[in-house]
Amino acid sequence: MTHLYLIRGLPGSGKTTLAETLARPFRGEYPLYAADDYFVEWDEDLGDEVYCFDAKFLPQAHAQCQENTLRALAACRFDHVIVHNTFVSRWEMEAYLRMAADHNCGVTVVSIFDGGLTDDELFARNTHGVPLAAIKRMRVNYEHDWKNGDTRAPWERE
């Protein structure tokens, strides 16, 4: 049976590091997905990947992450599938929780919140240039008790 891990936390808290650490003993046998993957491009001049964020493509980035996760869960080829996004609120995890239920997968939500760091430290550590103001806003809005959070997106609420 496939098990889905959702790793959530503020930018710079160590979500990607934790995801990679969990998968490392299995030599890449477990897929890792994040909405941020959408913004990674190969730079021929640098001979390396570069992160090119554009907020107008966030819906597509999240859709791609969900599609990749759904394909991995449906394939039943992996013991574990790992998704590492901020998942500040329950509604942001809801599609993944439904996918897991639809495919009879176990789910573990790992909340690392701020990793014990201040907003300034998170800002300095985050590798995607998330502004300090956005990190502060995410901290305020972070649903620690995500299980009792609203499953609807903000625009669907009355």
C-alpha atoms as a PDB file:
ATOM      1  CA  MET A   1       0.000   0.000   0.000  1.00  0.00           C
ATOM      2  CA  THR A   2       1.289   3.456  -0.907  1.00  0.00           C
ATOM      3  CA  HIS A   3       1.700   5.998   1.871  1.00  0.00           C
ATOM      4  CA  LEU A   4       1.449   9.740   1.198  1.00  0.00           C
ATOM      5  CA  TYR A   5       3.550  12.140   3.245  1.00  0.00           C
ATOM      6  CA  LEU A   6       2.581  15.808   3.243  1.00  0.00           C
ATOM      7  CA  ILE A   7       5.359  17.980   4.651  1.00  0.00           C
ATOM      8  CA  ARG A   8       4.191  21.441   5.605  1.00  0.00           C
ATOM      9  CA  GLY A   9       5.922  24.492   6.999  1.00  0.00           C
ATOM     10  CA  LEU A  10       6.875  28.081   6.375  1.00  0.00           C
ATOM     11  CA  PRO A  11       9.363  28.989   3.619  1.00  0.00           C
ATOM     12  CA  GLY A  12      12.893  28.295   4.815  1.00  0.00           C
ATOM     13  CA  SER A  13      11.808  25.890   7.572  1.00  0.00           C
ATOM     14  CA  GLY A  14      13.416  22.839   5.955  1.00  0.00           C
ATOM     15  CA  LYS A  15      10.580  21.106   4.065  1.00  0.00           C
ATOM     16  CA  THR A  16      12.667  20.198   1.032  1.00  0.00           C
ATOM     17  CA  THR A  17      15.609  19.108   3.170  1.00  0.00           C
ATOM     18  CA  LEU A  18      13.331  16.854   5.216  1.00  0.00           C
ATOM     19  CA  ALA A  19      11.694  15.404   2.089  1.00  0.00           C
ATOM     20  CA  GLU A  20      15.073  14.647   0.535  1.00  0.00           C
ATOM     21  CA  THR A  21      16.335  13.164   3.805  1.00  0.00           C
ATOM     22  CA  LEU A  22      13.310  10.853   4.040  1.00  0.00           C
ATOM     23  CA  ALA A  23      13.795   9.673   0.455  1.00  0.00           C
ATOM     24  CA  ARG A  24      17.611   9.405   0.494  1.00  0.00           C
ATOM     25  CA  PRO A  25      17.908   5.876   1.953  1.00  0.00           C
ATOM     26  CA  PHE A  26      15.760   4.625  -0.907  1.00  0.00           C
ATOM     27  CA  ARG A  27      17.956   6.134  -3.660  1.00  0.00           C
ATOM     28  CA  GLY A  28      15.245   8.109  -5.383  1.00  0.00           C
ATOM     29  CA  GLU A  29      12.716   5.279  -5.410  1.00  0.00           C
ATOM     30  CA  TYR A  30      10.160   7.561  -3.809  1.00  0.00           C
ATOM     31  CA  PRO A  31       8.838  10.497  -5.794  1.00  0.00           C
ATOM     32  CA  LEU A  32       9.127  13.977  -4.265  1.00  0.00           C
ATOM     33  CA  TYR A  33       6.803  16.700  -5.483  1.00  0.00           C
ATOM     34  CA  ALA A  34       6.381  20.395  -4.758  1.00  0.00           C
ATOM     35  CA  ALA A  35       4.578  23.219  -6.512  1.00  0.00           C
ATOM     36  CA  ASP A  36       7.972  24.952  -6.669  1.00  0.00           C
ATOM     37  CA  ASP A  37       9.149  22.277  -9.133  1.00  0.00           C
ATOM     38  CA  TYR A  38       7.099  24.041 -11.817  1.00  0.00           C
ATOM     39  CA  PHE A  39       9.401  27.061 -11.636  1.00  0.00           C
ATOM     40  CA  VAL A  40      12.682  25.183 -12.009  1.00  0.00           C
ATOM     41  CA  GLU A  41      14.306  25.519 -15.430  1.00  0.00           C
ATOM     42  CA  TRP A  42      17.593  24.339 -16.883  1.00  0.00           C
ATOM     43  CA  ASP A  43      20.032  27.162 -17.629  1.00  0.00           C
ATOM     44  CA  GLU A  44      22.394  26.134 -20.431  1.00  0.00           C
ATOM     45  CA  ASP A  45      24.877  28.910 -19.636  1.00  0.00           C
ATOM     46  CA  LEU A  46      25.126  27.909 -15.979  1.00  0.00           C
ATOM     47  CA  GLY A  47      24.825  24.199 -16.649  1.00  0.00           C
ATOM     48  CA  ASP A  48      22.470  24.017 -13.701  1.00  0.00           C
ATOM     49  CA  GLU A  49      18.868  24.458 -12.657  1.00  0.00           C
ATOM     50  CA  VAL A  50      17.559  27.918 -11.784  1.00  0.00           C
ATOM     51  CA  TYR A  51      14.368  28.936  -9.997  1.00  0.00           C
ATOM     52  CA  CYS A  52      12.215  31.359 -12.014  1.00  0.00           C
ATOM     53  CA  PHE A  53       9.119  32.151  -9.953  1.00  0.00           C
ATOM     54  CA  ASP A  54       6.171  33.947 -11.512  1.00  0.00           C
ATOM     55  CA  ALA A  55       3.100  34.283  -9.271  1.00  0.00           C
ATOM     56  CA  LYS A  56       0.703  34.315 -12.214  1.00  0.00           C
ATOM     57  CA  PHE A  57       1.583  30.636 -12.800  1.00  0.00           C
ATOM     58  CA  LEU A  58       0.862  29.481  -9.227  1.00  0.00           C
ATOM     59  CA  PRO A  59      -2.435  27.798 -10.212  1.00  0.00           C
ATOM     60  CA  GLN A  60      -0.615  25.794 -12.901  1.00  0.00           C
ATOM     61  CA  ALA A  61       2.195  24.939 -10.481  1.00  0.00           C
ATOM     62  CA  HIS A  62      -0.229  23.531  -7.921  1.00  0.00           C
ATOM     63  CA  ALA A  63      -2.210  21.722 -10.605  1.00  0.00           C
ATOM     64  CA  GLN A  64       0.980  20.056 -11.887  1.00  0.00           C
ATOM     65  CA  CYS A  65       1.989  19.027  -8.370  1.00  0.00           C
ATOM     66  CA  GLN A  66      -1.452  17.504  -7.784  1.00  0.00           C
ATOM     67  CA  GLU A  67      -1.425  15.720 -11.171  1.00  0.00           C
ATOM     68  CA  ASN A  68       2.023  14.245 -10.502  1.00  0.00           C
ATOM     69  CA  THR A  69       0.934  13.097  -7.058  1.00  0.00           C
ATOM     70  CA  LEU A  70      -2.272  11.570  -8.402  1.00  0.00           C
ATOM     71  CA  ARG A  71      -0.353   9.662 -11.086  1.00  0.00           C
ATOM     72  CA  ALA A  72       2.098   8.313  -8.506  1.00  0.00           C
ATOM     73  CA  LEU A  73      -0.670   7.236  -6.137  1.00  0.00           C
ATOM     74  CA  ALA A  74      -2.717   5.648  -8.925  1.00  0.00           C
ATOM     75  CA  ALA A  75       0.305   3.728 -10.246  1.00  0.00           C
ATOM     76  CA  CYS A  76       0.651   1.863  -6.927  1.00  0.00           C
ATOM     77  CA  ARG A  77       4.361   1.434  -7.745  1.00  0.00           C
ATOM     78  CA  PHE A  78       5.738   3.324  -4.783  1.00  0.00           C
ATOM     79  CA  ASP A  79       5.662   2.569  -1.077  1.00  0.00           C
ATOM     80  CA  HIS A  80       5.826   6.296  -0.336  1.00  0.00           C
ATOM     81  CA  VAL A  81       5.010   9.522  -2.154  1.00  0.00           C
ATOM     82  CA  ILE A  82       6.228  12.768  -0.601  1.00  0.00           C
ATOM     83  CA  VAL A  83       4.803  16.245  -1.234  1.00  0.00           C
ATOM     84  CA  HIS A  84       6.505  19.256   0.344  1.00  0.00           C
ATOM     85  CA  ASN A  85       4.581  22.519   0.097  1.00  0.00           C
ATOM     86  CA  THR A  86       3.835  25.227   2.639  1.00  0.00           C
ATOM     87  CA  PHE A  87       0.267  23.897   3.176  1.00  0.00           C
ATOM     88  CA  VAL A  88      -0.476  26.812   5.504  1.00  0.00           C
ATOM     89  CA  SER A  89      -4.191  25.904   5.661  1.00  0.00           C
ATOM     90  CA  ARG A  90      -6.238  22.712   5.544  1.00  0.00           C
ATOM     91  CA  TRP A  91      -7.880  23.627   2.243  1.00  0.00           C
ATOM     92  CA  GLU A  92      -4.448  23.568   0.556  1.00  0.00           C
ATOM     93  CA  MET A  93      -4.026  19.901   1.559  1.00  0.00           C
ATOM     94  CA  GLU A  94      -7.565  18.828   0.814  1.00  0.00           C
ATOM     95  CA  ALA A  95      -7.009  17.637  -2.777  1.00  0.00           C
ATOM     96  CA  TYR A  96      -4.113  15.451  -1.609  1.00  0.00           C
ATOM     97  CA  LEU A  97      -6.113  14.038   1.298  1.00  0.00           C
ATOM     98  CA  ARG A  98      -8.938  13.155  -1.104  1.00  0.00           C
ATOM     99  CA  MET A  99      -6.512  11.518  -3.545  1.00  0.00           C
ATOM    100  CA  ALA A 100      -5.091   9.369  -0.779  1.00  0.00           C
ATOM    101  CA  ALA A 101      -8.558   8.336   0.385  1.00  0.00           C
ATOM    102  CA  ASP A 102      -9.658   7.560  -3.183  1.00  0.00           C
ATOM    103  CA  HIS A 103      -6.641   5.268  -3.642  1.00  0.00           C
ATOM    104  CA  ASN A 104      -6.750   3.696  -0.159  1.00  0.00           C
ATOM    105  CA  CYS A 105      -3.395   5.225   0.748  1.00  0.00           C
ATOM    106  CA  GLY A 106      -2.226   6.028   4.223  1.00  0.00           C
ATOM    107  CA  VAL A 107      -1.412   9.661   4.995  1.00  0.00           C
ATOM    108  CA  THR A 108       1.044  11.275   7.360  1.00  0.00           C
ATOM    109  CA  VAL A 109       1.110  15.053   7.700  1.00  0.00           C
ATOM    110  CA  VAL A 110       4.408  16.339   9.033  1.00  0.00           C
ATOM    111  CA  SER A 111       4.175  19.917  10.308  1.00  0.00           C
ATOM    112  CA  ILE A 112       7.532  21.555  10.850  1.00  0.00           C
ATOM    113  CA  PHE A 113       5.982  25.061  11.049  1.00  0.00           C
ATOM    114  CA  ASP A 114       8.962  27.398  11.448  1.00  0.00           C
ATOM    115  CA  GLY A 115      11.644  24.860  12.367  1.00  0.00           C
ATOM    116  CA  GLY A 116      12.315  26.942  15.495  1.00  0.00           C
ATOM    117  CA  LEU A 117      13.383  29.932  13.401  1.00  0.00           C
ATOM    118  CA  THR A 118      12.387  33.592  13.480  1.00  0.00           C
ATOM    119  CA  ASP A 119      10.841  35.278  10.456  1.00  0.00           C
ATOM    120  CA  ASP A 120      14.177  36.952   9.676  1.00  0.00           C
ATOM    121  CA  GLU A 121      15.974  33.597   9.821  1.00  0.00           C
ATOM    122  CA  LEU A 122      13.327  31.994   7.580  1.00  0.00           C
ATOM    123  CA  PHE A 123      13.701  34.857   5.117  1.00  0.00           C
ATOM    124  CA  ALA A 124      17.471  34.410   5.035  1.00  0.00           C
ATOM    125  CA  ARG A 125      17.216  30.624   4.582  1.00  0.00           C
ATOM    126  CA  ASN A 126      14.411  30.324   2.034  1.00  0.00           C
ATOM    127  CA  THR A 127      15.844  29.574  -1.377  1.00  0.00           C
ATOM    128  CA  HIS A 128      12.956  30.906  -3.452  1.00  0.00           C
ATOM    129  CA  GLY A 129      13.045  34.571  -2.520  1.00  0.00           C
ATOM    130  CA  VAL A 130       9.785  34.604  -0.561  1.00  0.00           C
ATOM    131  CA  PRO A 131       9.444  38.157   0.803  1.00  0.00           C
ATOM    132  CA  LEU A 132       9.632  38.711   4.554  1.00  0.00           C
ATOM    133  CA  ALA A 133       6.122  40.198   4.561  1.00  0.00           C
ATOM    134  CA  ALA A 134       4.746  37.007   2.978  1.00  0.00           C
ATOM    135  CA  ILE A 135       6.492  34.845   5.569  1.00  0.00           C
ATOM    136  CA  LYS A 136       5.023  36.978   8.377  1.00  0.00           C
ATOM    137  CA  ARG A 137       1.553  36.662   6.805  1.00  0.00           C
ATOM    138  CA  MET A 138       1.918  32.879   6.491  1.00  0.00           C
ATOM    139  CA  ARG A 139       2.969  32.623  10.142  1.00  0.00           C
ATOM    140  CA  VAL A 140      -0.166  34.477  11.247  1.00  0.00           C
ATOM    141  CA  ASN A 141      -2.416  32.353   9.019  1.00  0.00           C
ATOM    142  CA  TYR A 142      -0.768  28.975   9.741  1.00  0.00           C
ATOM    143  CA  GLU A 143      -3.348  26.432  10.894  1.00  0.00           C
ATOM    144  CA  HIS A 144      -1.580  24.398  13.541  1.00  0.00           C
ATOM    145  CA  ASP A 145      -4.789  22.409  14.068  1.00  0.00           C
ATOM    146  CA  TRP A 146      -5.175  21.662  10.364  1.00  0.00           C
ATOM    147  CA  LYS A 147      -7.482  18.675  10.997  1.00  0.00           C
ATOM    148  CA  ASN A 148     -10.198  21.078  12.125  1.00  0.00           C
ATOM    149  CA  GLY A 149      -9.464  23.664   9.445  1.00  0.00           C
ATOM    150  CA  ASP A 150     -11.929  24.665   6.746  1.00  0.00           C
ATOM    151  CA  THR A 151     -11.668  22.342   3.746  1.00  0.00           C
ATOM    152  CA  ARG A 152     -12.939  25.011   1.335  1.00  0.00           C
ATOM    153  CA  ALA A 153     -10.744  27.524  -0.462  1.00  0.00           C
ATOM    154  CA  PRO A 154     -11.223  31.088   0.832  1.00  0.00           C
ATOM    155  CA  TRP A 155     -13.086  32.165  -2.314  1.00  0.00           C
ATOM    156  CA  GLU A 156     -15.625  29.339  -1.802  1.00  0.00           C
ATOM    157  CA  ARG A 157     -16.557  30.455   1.719  1.00  0.00           C
ATOM    158  CA  GLU A 158     -19.528  32.692   2.494  1.00  0.00           C
END
